[in-house]
C-alpha cells in the first residue's frame, strides 16, 4: 500500500494532541500529564486507557492485573498489517532483548482490531514470530469496540481492490503501563527503539 500521511488534531482530556495517518494506520495520543523525563508523551493520570478485559487465544479472560509487576506495552493492530504493526512489535521485541534481565519485566500485549480474520491460531503464531512471551488479545466485535473506546483508539475497515478484501486504518501508537498497572505513556509510531528503551528503563527503575 502506498504511504499516506495526513496531519490531524485530536481532542483528548483537556489538551489537543497531534495525530498522524501513516500507511494503513493512524497514530494518536492523549493529554500530556505532569512533566517528566520521558521521550514519549506522558499521559500519567489520564482518564482513559485504564482497563482491559479481553480473552487471549486460549479463551482465558485477561486484564491489566495479570501483568502487574511488569511494564506493559499495549498496541492495537492486526496481523495482515503490511508495515506499522510488524515494525512496532519487532521493535518492542528488540528493546526487550536489549534490556537483558530487566527485559523479563517487560510485557508486550497486542490487541487485534480485526477479530474476523485474526483467529486464535494466527495470533499465537504472530506473537511467536516476535517474542513468545507477548500476549495477543481477541474479543468479539462488541468487545473490540468497547476497549478501543476506552483507549480512544480509532480503527476502520478500508475496502480493498478486490471484492471482499480490505485493510484496516487504525491508531499507530503504543500505550505503556507501569508496574502497578497505571497508564503512563503514549509512544508515537516512529519514535525509535532507543527512545522506547530509555523510557522503559525509567519505569522499571521506579519499580
N, C-alpha and C. Protein backbone atom coordinates (compact mmCIF):
# COMPACT_ATOMS: atom_id res chain seq x y z
N UNK A 1 0.85 -1.18 0.00
CA UNK A 1 0.00 0.00 0.00
C UNK A 1 0.89 1.24 0.00
N UNK A 2 0.56 2.23 -0.80
CA UNK A 2 1.35 3.45 -0.83
C UNK A 2 1.16 4.22 0.46
N UNK A 3 2.17 4.92 0.89
CA UNK A 3 2.12 5.64 2.16
C UNK A 3 1.31 6.91 2.05
N UNK A 4 0.41 7.11 3.02
CA UNK A 4 -0.36 8.34 3.09
C UNK A 4 -0.09 9.00 4.43
N UNK A 5 0.21 10.28 4.40
CA UNK A 5 0.47 10.99 5.65
C UNK A 5 -0.42 12.21 5.73
N UNK A 6 -1.19 12.28 6.78
CA UNK A 6 -2.15 13.36 6.95
C UNK A 6 -2.09 13.88 8.37
N UNK A 7 -1.86 15.19 8.52
CA UNK A 7 -1.82 15.79 9.86
C UNK A 7 -3.23 15.95 10.37
N UNK A 8 -3.45 15.51 11.59
CA UNK A 8 -4.76 15.57 12.22
C UNK A 8 -4.62 16.19 13.60
N UNK A 9 -5.73 16.67 14.14
CA UNK A 9 -5.75 17.12 15.53
C UNK A 9 -6.82 16.34 16.26
N UNK A 10 -6.48 15.79 17.42
CA UNK A 10 -7.46 15.04 18.21
C UNK A 10 -7.59 15.66 19.58
N UNK A 11 -8.78 15.65 20.11
CA UNK A 11 -9.01 16.24 21.43
C UNK A 11 -9.06 15.13 22.46
N UNK A 12 -8.14 15.14 23.41
CA UNK A 12 -8.09 14.14 24.46
C UNK A 12 -7.99 14.86 25.80
N UNK A 13 -8.92 14.59 26.70
CA UNK A 13 -8.91 15.23 28.01
C UNK A 13 -9.05 16.72 27.86
N UNK A 14 -8.09 17.48 28.36
CA UNK A 14 -8.14 18.93 28.31
C UNK A 14 -7.13 19.52 27.33
N UNK A 15 -6.45 18.63 26.56
CA UNK A 15 -5.40 19.13 25.66
C UNK A 15 -5.55 18.56 24.27
N UNK A 16 -5.05 19.30 23.28
CA UNK A 16 -5.01 18.80 21.91
C UNK A 16 -3.70 18.08 21.71
N UNK A 17 -3.74 16.92 21.05
CA UNK A 17 -2.52 16.16 20.76
C UNK A 17 -2.47 15.88 19.28
N UNK A 18 -1.28 15.97 18.66
CA UNK A 18 -1.17 15.73 17.23
C UNK A 18 -1.35 14.26 16.91
N UNK A 19 -1.88 13.96 15.72
CA UNK A 19 -2.01 12.58 15.26
C UNK A 19 -1.52 12.51 13.84
N UNK A 20 -1.18 11.30 13.42
CA UNK A 20 -0.58 11.12 12.11
C UNK A 20 -1.13 9.87 11.46
N UNK A 21 -1.56 9.98 10.22
CA UNK A 21 -2.02 8.83 9.47
C UNK A 21 -0.87 8.35 8.63
N UNK A 22 -0.35 7.16 8.93
CA UNK A 22 0.83 6.66 8.23
C UNK A 22 0.54 5.31 7.62
N UNK A 23 0.70 5.19 6.31
CA UNK A 23 0.43 3.93 5.64
C UNK A 23 -1.02 3.55 5.86
N UNK A 24 -1.23 2.40 6.50
CA UNK A 24 -2.59 1.94 6.75
C UNK A 24 -3.05 2.32 8.13
N UNK A 25 -2.29 3.17 8.83
CA UNK A 25 -2.56 3.37 10.24
C UNK A 25 -2.53 4.84 10.64
N UNK A 26 -3.27 5.14 11.74
CA UNK A 26 -3.30 6.50 12.26
C UNK A 26 -2.75 6.50 13.68
N UNK A 27 -1.81 7.37 13.96
CA UNK A 27 -1.29 7.46 15.31
C UNK A 27 -2.00 8.58 16.04
N UNK A 28 -2.21 8.37 17.34
CA UNK A 28 -2.86 9.38 18.15
C UNK A 28 -2.27 9.32 19.53
N UNK A 29 -2.72 10.15 20.42
CA UNK A 29 -2.18 10.12 21.76
C UNK A 29 -3.18 10.63 22.74
N UNK A 30 -2.71 11.05 23.87
CA UNK A 30 -3.60 11.55 24.89
C UNK A 30 -3.05 12.81 25.49
N UNK A 31 -3.77 13.36 26.41
CA UNK A 31 -3.35 14.59 27.05
C UNK A 31 -2.05 14.37 27.80
N UNK A 32 -1.13 15.27 27.65
CA UNK A 32 0.14 15.14 28.35
C UNK A 32 -0.07 15.32 29.84
N UNK A 33 0.59 14.46 30.63
CA UNK A 33 0.48 14.55 32.07
C UNK A 33 1.56 15.46 32.61
N UNK A 34 1.90 15.30 33.90
CA UNK A 34 2.94 16.13 34.50
C UNK A 34 4.27 15.95 33.79
N UNK A 35 5.07 17.01 33.74
CA UNK A 35 6.35 16.94 33.06
C UNK A 35 7.23 15.89 33.70
N UNK A 36 7.90 15.09 32.88
CA UNK A 36 8.78 14.05 33.38
C UNK A 36 9.85 13.79 32.34
N UNK A 37 10.88 13.03 32.73
CA UNK A 37 11.99 12.79 31.82
C UNK A 37 11.70 11.61 30.90
N UNK A 38 10.63 11.72 30.14
CA UNK A 38 10.27 10.68 29.19
C UNK A 38 10.41 11.21 27.76
N UNK A 39 10.74 10.29 26.85
CA UNK A 39 10.80 10.65 25.44
C UNK A 39 9.40 10.63 24.82
N UNK A 40 8.56 9.71 25.29
CA UNK A 40 7.20 9.56 24.76
C UNK A 40 6.28 10.59 25.42
N UNK A 41 5.02 10.62 25.00
CA UNK A 41 4.03 11.55 25.55
C UNK A 41 3.60 11.04 26.92
N UNK A 42 3.81 11.86 27.94
CA UNK A 42 3.44 11.49 29.31
C UNK A 42 1.95 11.71 29.51
N UNK A 43 1.21 10.63 29.72
CA UNK A 43 -0.24 10.73 29.95
C UNK A 43 -0.61 10.22 31.34
N UNK A 44 0.34 10.32 32.25
CA UNK A 44 0.09 9.92 33.64
C UNK A 44 -1.18 10.59 34.16
N UNK A 45 -2.05 9.79 34.76
CA UNK A 45 -3.29 10.32 35.32
C UNK A 45 -4.43 10.44 34.33
N UNK A 46 -4.25 9.95 33.10
CA UNK A 46 -5.30 10.04 32.09
C UNK A 46 -6.56 9.32 32.55
N UNK A 47 -7.69 9.86 32.14
CA UNK A 47 -8.98 9.27 32.49
C UNK A 47 -9.47 8.30 31.42
N UNK A 48 -8.55 7.71 30.70
CA UNK A 48 -8.87 6.71 29.70
C UNK A 48 -7.74 5.69 29.71
N UNK A 49 -7.86 4.64 28.90
CA UNK A 49 -6.84 3.58 28.86
C UNK A 49 -6.57 3.02 30.25
N UNK A 50 -7.65 2.81 31.00
CA UNK A 50 -7.48 2.37 32.38
C UNK A 50 -7.74 0.89 32.58
N UNK A 51 -8.42 0.25 31.63
CA UNK A 51 -8.75 -1.16 31.85
C UNK A 51 -8.88 -1.93 30.55
N UNK A 52 -8.62 -3.23 30.66
CA UNK A 52 -8.76 -4.16 29.55
C UNK A 52 -9.44 -5.41 30.10
N UNK A 53 -10.36 -5.97 29.35
CA UNK A 53 -10.99 -7.24 29.70
C UNK A 53 -11.30 -7.96 28.39
N UNK A 54 -10.33 -8.75 27.93
CA UNK A 54 -10.45 -9.45 26.65
C UNK A 54 -9.85 -10.84 26.78
N UNK A 55 -10.37 -11.80 26.01
CA UNK A 55 -9.80 -13.14 26.05
C UNK A 55 -8.52 -13.26 25.23
N UNK A 56 -7.62 -14.12 25.68
CA UNK A 56 -6.43 -14.43 24.89
C UNK A 56 -6.77 -15.55 23.91
N UNK A 57 -5.84 -15.99 23.08
CA UNK A 57 -6.16 -17.03 22.10
C UNK A 57 -6.64 -18.35 22.70
N UNK A 58 -6.35 -18.59 23.97
CA UNK A 58 -6.80 -19.81 24.64
C UNK A 58 -8.17 -19.64 25.30
N UNK A 59 -8.74 -18.43 25.16
CA UNK A 59 -10.06 -18.18 25.72
C UNK A 59 -10.04 -17.69 27.16
N UNK A 60 -8.85 -17.49 27.73
CA UNK A 60 -8.73 -17.00 29.10
C UNK A 60 -8.91 -15.49 29.11
N UNK A 61 -9.81 -15.00 29.96
CA UNK A 61 -10.03 -13.55 30.06
C UNK A 61 -8.83 -12.91 30.74
N UNK A 62 -8.29 -11.87 30.10
CA UNK A 62 -7.12 -11.20 30.64
C UNK A 62 -7.44 -9.75 30.97
N UNK A 63 -6.82 -9.25 32.03
CA UNK A 63 -6.96 -7.85 32.43
C UNK A 63 -5.56 -7.32 32.73
N UNK A 64 -5.46 -6.01 32.95
CA UNK A 64 -4.16 -5.42 33.27
C UNK A 64 -3.58 -5.99 34.55
N UNK A 65 -4.44 -6.46 35.45
CA UNK A 65 -3.96 -7.02 36.71
C UNK A 65 -3.08 -8.25 36.48
N UNK A 66 -3.29 -8.94 35.36
CA UNK A 66 -2.48 -10.12 35.06
C UNK A 66 -1.02 -9.76 34.84
N UNK A 67 -0.75 -8.52 34.51
CA UNK A 67 0.61 -8.11 34.17
C UNK A 67 1.24 -7.22 35.24
N UNK A 68 0.61 -7.16 36.40
CA UNK A 68 1.15 -6.33 37.48
C UNK A 68 2.55 -6.80 37.85
N UNK A 69 3.44 -5.84 38.08
CA UNK A 69 4.83 -6.16 38.36
C UNK A 69 5.70 -6.02 37.13
N UNK A 70 5.05 -5.85 35.97
CA UNK A 70 5.78 -5.65 34.73
C UNK A 70 5.40 -4.31 34.11
N UNK A 71 6.30 -3.75 33.32
CA UNK A 71 5.97 -2.60 32.50
C UNK A 71 5.33 -3.18 31.24
N UNK A 72 4.09 -2.79 30.99
CA UNK A 72 3.30 -3.39 29.92
C UNK A 72 3.10 -2.42 28.77
N UNK A 73 3.35 -2.90 27.57
CA UNK A 73 3.20 -2.08 26.36
C UNK A 73 2.06 -2.65 25.54
N UNK A 74 1.01 -1.85 25.35
CA UNK A 74 -0.20 -2.30 24.66
C UNK A 74 -0.29 -1.64 23.29
N UNK A 75 -0.52 -2.46 22.27
CA UNK A 75 -0.62 -1.97 20.91
C UNK A 75 -1.84 -2.57 20.23
N UNK A 76 -2.61 -1.74 19.52
CA UNK A 76 -3.77 -2.18 18.76
C UNK A 76 -3.36 -2.35 17.29
N UNK A 77 -3.62 -3.51 16.71
CA UNK A 77 -3.25 -3.72 15.32
C UNK A 77 -3.93 -4.94 14.74
N UNK A 78 -3.38 -5.44 13.64
CA UNK A 78 -3.93 -6.65 13.02
C UNK A 78 -2.83 -7.36 12.26
N UNK A 79 -2.94 -8.67 12.13
CA UNK A 79 -1.82 -9.47 11.63
C UNK A 79 -1.52 -9.24 10.15
N UNK A 80 -2.49 -8.78 9.37
CA UNK A 80 -2.24 -8.55 7.95
C UNK A 80 -1.77 -7.13 7.65
N UNK A 81 -1.52 -6.36 8.67
CA UNK A 81 -0.96 -5.01 8.52
C UNK A 81 0.40 -5.13 7.84
N UNK A 82 0.64 -4.38 6.76
CA UNK A 82 1.87 -4.55 6.00
C UNK A 82 3.12 -3.90 6.58
N UNK A 83 2.95 -2.92 7.46
CA UNK A 83 4.15 -2.19 7.88
C UNK A 83 4.17 -1.78 9.34
N UNK A 84 3.25 -0.94 9.76
CA UNK A 84 3.31 -0.36 11.10
C UNK A 84 3.25 -1.43 12.20
N UNK A 85 2.35 -2.38 12.08
CA UNK A 85 2.19 -3.39 13.14
C UNK A 85 3.42 -4.27 13.30
N UNK A 86 3.91 -4.90 12.23
CA UNK A 86 5.11 -5.73 12.42
C UNK A 86 6.33 -4.92 12.85
N UNK A 87 6.44 -3.70 12.36
CA UNK A 87 7.57 -2.85 12.76
C UNK A 87 7.51 -2.56 14.25
N UNK A 88 6.31 -2.22 14.75
CA UNK A 88 6.14 -1.91 16.17
C UNK A 88 6.45 -3.10 17.05
N UNK A 89 5.93 -4.26 16.69
CA UNK A 89 6.14 -5.45 17.52
C UNK A 89 7.60 -5.91 17.47
N UNK A 90 8.22 -5.82 16.31
CA UNK A 90 9.63 -6.20 16.19
C UNK A 90 10.51 -5.26 17.02
N UNK A 91 10.17 -3.99 17.00
CA UNK A 91 10.95 -3.01 17.77
C UNK A 91 10.82 -3.28 19.26
N UNK A 92 9.59 -3.59 19.72
CA UNK A 92 9.39 -3.89 21.13
C UNK A 92 10.18 -5.14 21.53
N UNK A 93 10.18 -6.15 20.68
CA UNK A 93 10.94 -7.37 20.96
C UNK A 93 12.43 -7.05 21.04
N UNK A 94 12.91 -6.20 20.16
CA UNK A 94 14.31 -5.79 20.15
C UNK A 94 14.67 -5.06 21.44
N UNK A 95 13.80 -4.14 21.86
CA UNK A 95 14.04 -3.38 23.08
C UNK A 95 14.04 -4.29 24.29
N UNK A 96 13.08 -5.18 24.35
CA UNK A 96 13.01 -6.12 25.48
C UNK A 96 14.30 -6.92 25.59
N UNK A 97 14.80 -7.41 24.47
CA UNK A 97 16.02 -8.19 24.45
C UNK A 97 17.22 -7.34 24.88
N UNK A 98 17.24 -6.09 24.46
CA UNK A 98 18.36 -5.20 24.78
C UNK A 98 18.46 -4.89 26.27
N UNK A 99 17.35 -5.06 26.99
CA UNK A 99 17.33 -4.74 28.42
C UNK A 99 17.89 -5.87 29.28
N UNK A 100 18.25 -6.98 28.65
CA UNK A 100 18.83 -8.09 29.40
C UNK A 100 17.85 -8.67 30.40
N UNK A 101 18.34 -8.87 31.63
CA UNK A 101 17.49 -9.47 32.67
C UNK A 101 16.27 -8.61 32.97
N UNK A 102 16.41 -7.28 32.86
CA UNK A 102 15.27 -6.39 33.11
C UNK A 102 14.17 -6.59 32.07
N UNK A 103 14.54 -7.10 30.90
CA UNK A 103 13.56 -7.33 29.87
C UNK A 103 12.49 -8.35 30.26
N UNK A 104 12.81 -9.18 31.25
CA UNK A 104 11.82 -10.15 31.73
C UNK A 104 10.64 -9.47 32.41
N UNK A 105 10.84 -8.20 32.75
CA UNK A 105 9.75 -7.43 33.38
C UNK A 105 9.07 -6.50 32.40
N UNK A 106 9.21 -6.78 31.11
CA UNK A 106 8.52 -6.04 30.06
C UNK A 106 7.54 -6.97 29.38
N UNK A 107 6.29 -6.55 29.31
CA UNK A 107 5.23 -7.38 28.72
C UNK A 107 4.62 -6.71 27.51
N UNK A 108 4.66 -7.38 26.36
CA UNK A 108 4.01 -6.88 25.17
C UNK A 108 2.60 -7.45 25.07
N UNK A 109 1.64 -6.58 24.77
CA UNK A 109 0.24 -7.00 24.60
C UNK A 109 -0.27 -6.45 23.27
N UNK A 110 -0.75 -7.35 22.41
CA UNK A 110 -1.24 -6.99 21.08
C UNK A 110 -2.75 -7.23 21.05
N UNK A 111 -3.52 -6.16 20.83
CA UNK A 111 -4.98 -6.28 20.75
C UNK A 111 -5.40 -6.17 19.30
N UNK A 112 -6.02 -7.22 18.76
CA UNK A 112 -6.41 -7.18 17.37
C UNK A 112 -7.67 -6.34 17.17
N UNK A 113 -7.65 -5.53 16.12
CA UNK A 113 -8.83 -4.76 15.74
C UNK A 113 -9.47 -5.40 14.49
N UNK A 114 -9.04 -6.64 14.20
CA UNK A 114 -9.58 -7.40 13.07
C UNK A 114 -9.87 -8.83 13.49
N UNK A 115 -10.76 -9.02 14.50
CA UNK A 115 -11.02 -10.37 15.00
C UNK A 115 -11.64 -11.30 13.96
N UNK A 116 -12.23 -10.74 12.93
CA UNK A 116 -12.83 -11.57 11.88
C UNK A 116 -11.78 -12.44 11.19
N UNK A 117 -10.61 -11.87 10.92
CA UNK A 117 -9.55 -12.62 10.24
C UNK A 117 -8.48 -13.13 11.19
N UNK A 118 -8.28 -12.44 12.30
CA UNK A 118 -7.23 -12.84 13.24
C UNK A 118 -7.73 -13.93 14.17
N UNK A 119 -7.60 -15.16 13.72
CA UNK A 119 -8.04 -16.30 14.53
C UNK A 119 -7.07 -16.52 15.68
N UNK A 120 -7.49 -17.26 16.70
CA UNK A 120 -6.58 -17.55 17.82
C UNK A 120 -5.28 -18.21 17.35
N UNK A 121 -5.37 -19.13 16.41
CA UNK A 121 -4.18 -19.82 15.92
C UNK A 121 -3.23 -18.85 15.22
N UNK A 122 -3.80 -17.96 14.43
CA UNK A 122 -2.98 -16.98 13.71
C UNK A 122 -2.31 -16.02 14.68
N UNK A 123 -3.04 -15.60 15.70
CA UNK A 123 -2.48 -14.67 16.68
C UNK A 123 -1.35 -15.31 17.48
N UNK A 124 -1.50 -16.57 17.82
CA UNK A 124 -0.42 -17.27 18.54
C UNK A 124 0.85 -17.31 17.70
N UNK A 125 0.69 -17.65 16.43
CA UNK A 125 1.85 -17.73 15.54
C UNK A 125 2.47 -16.34 15.34
N UNK A 126 1.63 -15.33 15.23
CA UNK A 126 2.11 -13.96 15.01
C UNK A 126 2.92 -13.49 16.21
N UNK A 127 2.43 -13.71 17.42
CA UNK A 127 3.17 -13.31 18.60
C UNK A 127 4.48 -14.09 18.71
N UNK A 128 4.42 -15.37 18.39
CA UNK A 128 5.61 -16.19 18.48
C UNK A 128 6.71 -15.76 17.53
N UNK A 129 6.34 -15.12 16.45
CA UNK A 129 7.34 -14.66 15.49
C UNK A 129 8.13 -13.46 16.00
N UNK A 130 7.61 -12.82 17.04
CA UNK A 130 8.30 -11.66 17.63
C UNK A 130 8.93 -12.01 18.97
N UNK A 131 8.10 -12.49 19.89
CA UNK A 131 8.57 -12.89 21.21
C UNK A 131 7.51 -13.82 21.82
N UNK A 132 7.90 -15.02 22.21
CA UNK A 132 6.92 -15.98 22.74
C UNK A 132 6.17 -15.49 23.98
N UNK A 133 6.76 -14.51 24.68
CA UNK A 133 6.11 -14.02 25.90
C UNK A 133 5.03 -12.98 25.62
N UNK A 134 5.01 -12.45 24.41
CA UNK A 134 3.99 -11.45 24.07
C UNK A 134 2.61 -12.10 24.05
N UNK A 135 1.62 -11.35 24.50
CA UNK A 135 0.25 -11.87 24.60
C UNK A 135 -0.65 -11.16 23.59
N UNK A 136 -1.42 -11.94 22.86
CA UNK A 136 -2.42 -11.38 21.95
C UNK A 136 -3.79 -11.49 22.59
N UNK A 137 -4.62 -10.48 22.38
CA UNK A 137 -5.98 -10.49 22.90
C UNK A 137 -6.95 -10.32 21.74
N UNK A 138 -8.05 -11.05 21.79
CA UNK A 138 -9.01 -11.05 20.69
C UNK A 138 -10.43 -11.13 21.24
N UNK A 139 -11.17 -10.03 21.12
CA UNK A 139 -12.55 -10.03 21.54
C UNK A 139 -13.47 -10.17 20.35
N UNK A 140 -14.77 -10.19 20.61
CA UNK A 140 -15.72 -10.13 19.50
C UNK A 140 -15.85 -8.68 19.07
N UNK A 141 -16.72 -8.43 18.10
CA UNK A 141 -16.84 -7.07 17.57
C UNK A 141 -17.20 -6.07 18.65
N UNK A 142 -18.13 -6.45 19.52
CA UNK A 142 -18.57 -5.53 20.58
C UNK A 142 -17.46 -5.28 21.61
N UNK A 143 -16.77 -6.33 22.00
CA UNK A 143 -15.68 -6.18 22.97
C UNK A 143 -14.54 -5.34 22.40
N UNK A 144 -14.26 -5.55 21.12
CA UNK A 144 -13.20 -4.78 20.47
C UNK A 144 -13.55 -3.30 20.43
N UNK A 145 -14.79 -3.01 20.08
CA UNK A 145 -15.24 -1.62 20.03
C UNK A 145 -15.16 -0.98 21.41
N UNK A 146 -15.52 -1.74 22.44
CA UNK A 146 -15.53 -1.20 23.80
C UNK A 146 -14.12 -0.86 24.29
N UNK A 147 -13.17 -1.77 24.06
CA UNK A 147 -11.81 -1.49 24.53
C UNK A 147 -11.16 -0.38 23.71
N UNK A 148 -11.49 -0.31 22.42
CA UNK A 148 -10.96 0.78 21.59
C UNK A 148 -11.49 2.12 22.09
N UNK A 149 -12.75 2.16 22.48
CA UNK A 149 -13.33 3.39 23.01
C UNK A 149 -12.65 3.78 24.32
N UNK A 150 -12.39 2.80 25.16
CA UNK A 150 -11.72 3.06 26.44
C UNK A 150 -10.33 3.65 26.24
N UNK A 151 -9.65 3.23 25.17
CA UNK A 151 -8.29 3.70 24.88
C UNK A 151 -8.26 4.88 23.91
N UNK A 152 -9.43 5.34 23.48
CA UNK A 152 -9.52 6.40 22.47
C UNK A 152 -8.77 6.01 21.20
N UNK A 153 -8.91 4.75 20.82
CA UNK A 153 -8.25 4.23 19.63
C UNK A 153 -9.22 4.23 18.46
N UNK A 154 -8.76 4.72 17.33
CA UNK A 154 -9.54 4.73 16.10
C UNK A 154 -9.20 3.49 15.26
N UNK A 155 -10.22 2.88 14.65
CA UNK A 155 -9.96 1.86 13.64
C UNK A 155 -11.15 1.80 12.69
N UNK A 156 -10.88 1.48 11.44
CA UNK A 156 -11.94 1.42 10.44
C UNK A 156 -11.51 0.52 9.29
N UNK A 157 -12.46 -0.22 8.76
CA UNK A 157 -12.19 -1.09 7.62
C UNK A 157 -12.14 -0.26 6.34
N UNK A 158 -11.15 -0.54 5.51
CA UNK A 158 -10.98 0.16 4.23
C UNK A 158 -11.07 -0.88 3.11
N UNK A 159 -12.07 -0.77 2.23
CA UNK A 159 -12.23 -1.76 1.16
C UNK A 159 -10.98 -1.88 0.30
N UNK A 160 -10.68 -3.13 -0.10
CA UNK A 160 -9.53 -3.38 -0.95
C UNK A 160 -9.88 -3.30 -2.43
N UNK A 161 -8.94 -3.68 -3.26
CA UNK A 161 -9.13 -3.59 -4.70
C UNK A 161 -9.98 -4.73 -5.26
N UNK A 162 -10.03 -5.84 -4.53
CA UNK A 162 -10.83 -6.97 -4.97
C UNK A 162 -12.02 -7.16 -4.05
N UNK A 163 -13.06 -7.76 -4.57
CA UNK A 163 -14.29 -7.94 -3.80
C UNK A 163 -14.04 -8.74 -2.52
N UNK A 164 -14.50 -8.18 -1.41
CA UNK A 164 -14.36 -8.85 -0.13
C UNK A 164 -13.04 -8.59 0.59
N UNK A 165 -12.07 -7.99 -0.09
CA UNK A 165 -10.79 -7.72 0.56
C UNK A 165 -10.84 -6.37 1.27
N UNK A 166 -10.00 -6.21 2.26
CA UNK A 166 -9.95 -4.95 2.99
C UNK A 166 -8.67 -4.84 3.79
N UNK A 167 -8.34 -3.62 4.14
CA UNK A 167 -7.27 -3.33 5.09
C UNK A 167 -7.91 -2.57 6.25
N UNK A 168 -7.10 -2.23 7.25
CA UNK A 168 -7.62 -1.51 8.41
C UNK A 168 -6.79 -0.25 8.65
N UNK A 169 -7.47 0.89 8.75
CA UNK A 169 -6.84 2.10 9.28
C UNK A 169 -6.97 2.04 10.79
N UNK A 170 -5.92 2.40 11.52
CA UNK A 170 -6.03 2.36 12.98
C UNK A 170 -4.94 3.19 13.64
N UNK A 171 -5.16 3.48 14.89
CA UNK A 171 -4.20 4.24 15.69
C UNK A 171 -2.87 3.52 15.73
N UNK A 172 -1.83 4.21 15.33
CA UNK A 172 -0.50 3.60 15.25
C UNK A 172 0.39 4.12 16.37
N UNK A 173 0.15 3.66 17.56
CA UNK A 173 0.94 4.07 18.71
C UNK A 173 0.73 3.08 19.83
N UNK A 174 1.60 3.10 20.80
CA UNK A 174 1.54 2.15 21.91
C UNK A 174 1.30 2.86 23.23
N UNK A 175 0.58 2.17 24.12
CA UNK A 175 0.33 2.67 25.46
C UNK A 175 1.21 1.90 26.43
N UNK A 176 1.88 2.62 27.33
CA UNK A 176 2.78 1.99 28.28
C UNK A 176 2.24 2.14 29.69
N UNK A 177 2.19 1.02 30.41
CA UNK A 177 1.70 0.99 31.79
C UNK A 177 2.86 0.66 32.72
N UNK A 178 2.86 1.27 33.90
CA UNK A 178 3.92 0.99 34.86
C UNK A 178 3.66 -0.34 35.58
N UNK A 179 4.53 -0.69 36.50
CA UNK A 179 4.42 -1.99 37.16
C UNK A 179 3.19 -2.11 38.04
N UNK A 180 2.54 -0.99 38.34
CA UNK A 180 1.31 -1.00 39.13
C UNK A 180 0.07 -1.04 38.25
N UNK A 181 0.25 -1.10 36.94
CA UNK A 181 -0.88 -1.16 36.03
C UNK A 181 -1.50 0.18 35.71
N UNK A 182 -0.76 1.27 35.94
CA UNK A 182 -1.26 2.61 35.65
C UNK A 182 -0.72 3.09 34.31
N UNK A 183 -1.60 3.65 33.48
CA UNK A 183 -1.15 4.14 32.19
C UNK A 183 -0.24 5.34 32.40
N UNK A 184 0.90 5.35 31.69
CA UNK A 184 1.89 6.41 31.88
C UNK A 184 2.29 7.12 30.60
N UNK A 185 2.39 6.37 29.49
CA UNK A 185 2.94 6.95 28.27
C UNK A 185 2.16 6.55 27.03
N UNK A 186 2.19 7.44 26.04
CA UNK A 186 1.75 7.10 24.70
C UNK A 186 2.96 7.25 23.79
N UNK A 187 3.34 6.17 23.13
CA UNK A 187 4.52 6.16 22.26
C UNK A 187 4.07 6.28 20.81
N UNK A 188 4.39 7.38 20.18
CA UNK A 188 4.02 7.57 18.78
C UNK A 188 4.82 6.63 17.89
N UNK A 189 4.18 6.14 16.86
CA UNK A 189 4.87 5.29 15.89
C UNK A 189 6.04 6.06 15.27
N UNK A 190 7.17 5.38 15.17
CA UNK A 190 8.35 6.01 14.58
C UNK A 190 9.26 6.68 15.58
N UNK A 191 8.95 6.58 16.87
CA UNK A 191 9.78 7.22 17.90
C UNK A 191 11.16 6.57 18.00
N UNK A 192 11.24 5.29 17.68
CA UNK A 192 12.53 4.61 17.67
C UNK A 192 12.80 3.76 18.90
N UNK A 193 13.61 2.73 18.69
CA UNK A 193 13.92 1.78 19.76
C UNK A 193 14.70 2.42 20.91
N UNK A 194 15.60 3.32 20.58
CA UNK A 194 16.41 3.96 21.62
C UNK A 194 15.56 4.73 22.61
N UNK A 195 14.61 5.50 22.09
CA UNK A 195 13.73 6.29 22.97
C UNK A 195 12.85 5.38 23.81
N UNK A 196 12.33 4.33 23.19
CA UNK A 196 11.47 3.40 23.93
C UNK A 196 12.25 2.71 25.03
N UNK A 197 13.45 2.27 24.73
CA UNK A 197 14.28 1.60 25.73
C UNK A 197 14.55 2.52 26.91
N UNK A 198 14.84 3.78 26.64
CA UNK A 198 15.13 4.74 27.71
C UNK A 198 13.91 4.91 28.61
N UNK A 199 12.72 5.01 28.02
CA UNK A 199 11.51 5.19 28.83
C UNK A 199 11.19 3.95 29.64
N UNK A 200 11.35 2.78 29.05
CA UNK A 200 11.07 1.56 29.79
C UNK A 200 12.06 1.38 30.95
N UNK A 201 13.32 1.76 30.75
CA UNK A 201 14.30 1.70 31.82
C UNK A 201 13.88 2.60 32.99
N UNK A 202 13.39 3.80 32.64
CA UNK A 202 12.95 4.73 33.69
C UNK A 202 11.81 4.14 34.51
N UNK A 203 10.85 3.55 33.84
CA UNK A 203 9.69 2.98 34.54
C UNK A 203 10.10 1.74 35.33
N UNK A 204 10.99 0.93 34.80
CA UNK A 204 11.45 -0.26 35.52
C UNK A 204 12.22 0.14 36.77
N UNK A 205 13.03 1.18 36.67
CA UNK A 205 13.81 1.64 37.82
C UNK A 205 12.93 2.16 38.93
N UNK A 206 11.77 2.72 38.52
CA UNK A 206 10.83 3.26 39.52
C UNK A 206 10.09 2.15 40.25
N UNK A 207 10.20 0.95 39.70
CA UNK A 207 9.54 -0.18 40.35
C UNK A 207 8.09 -0.25 39.98
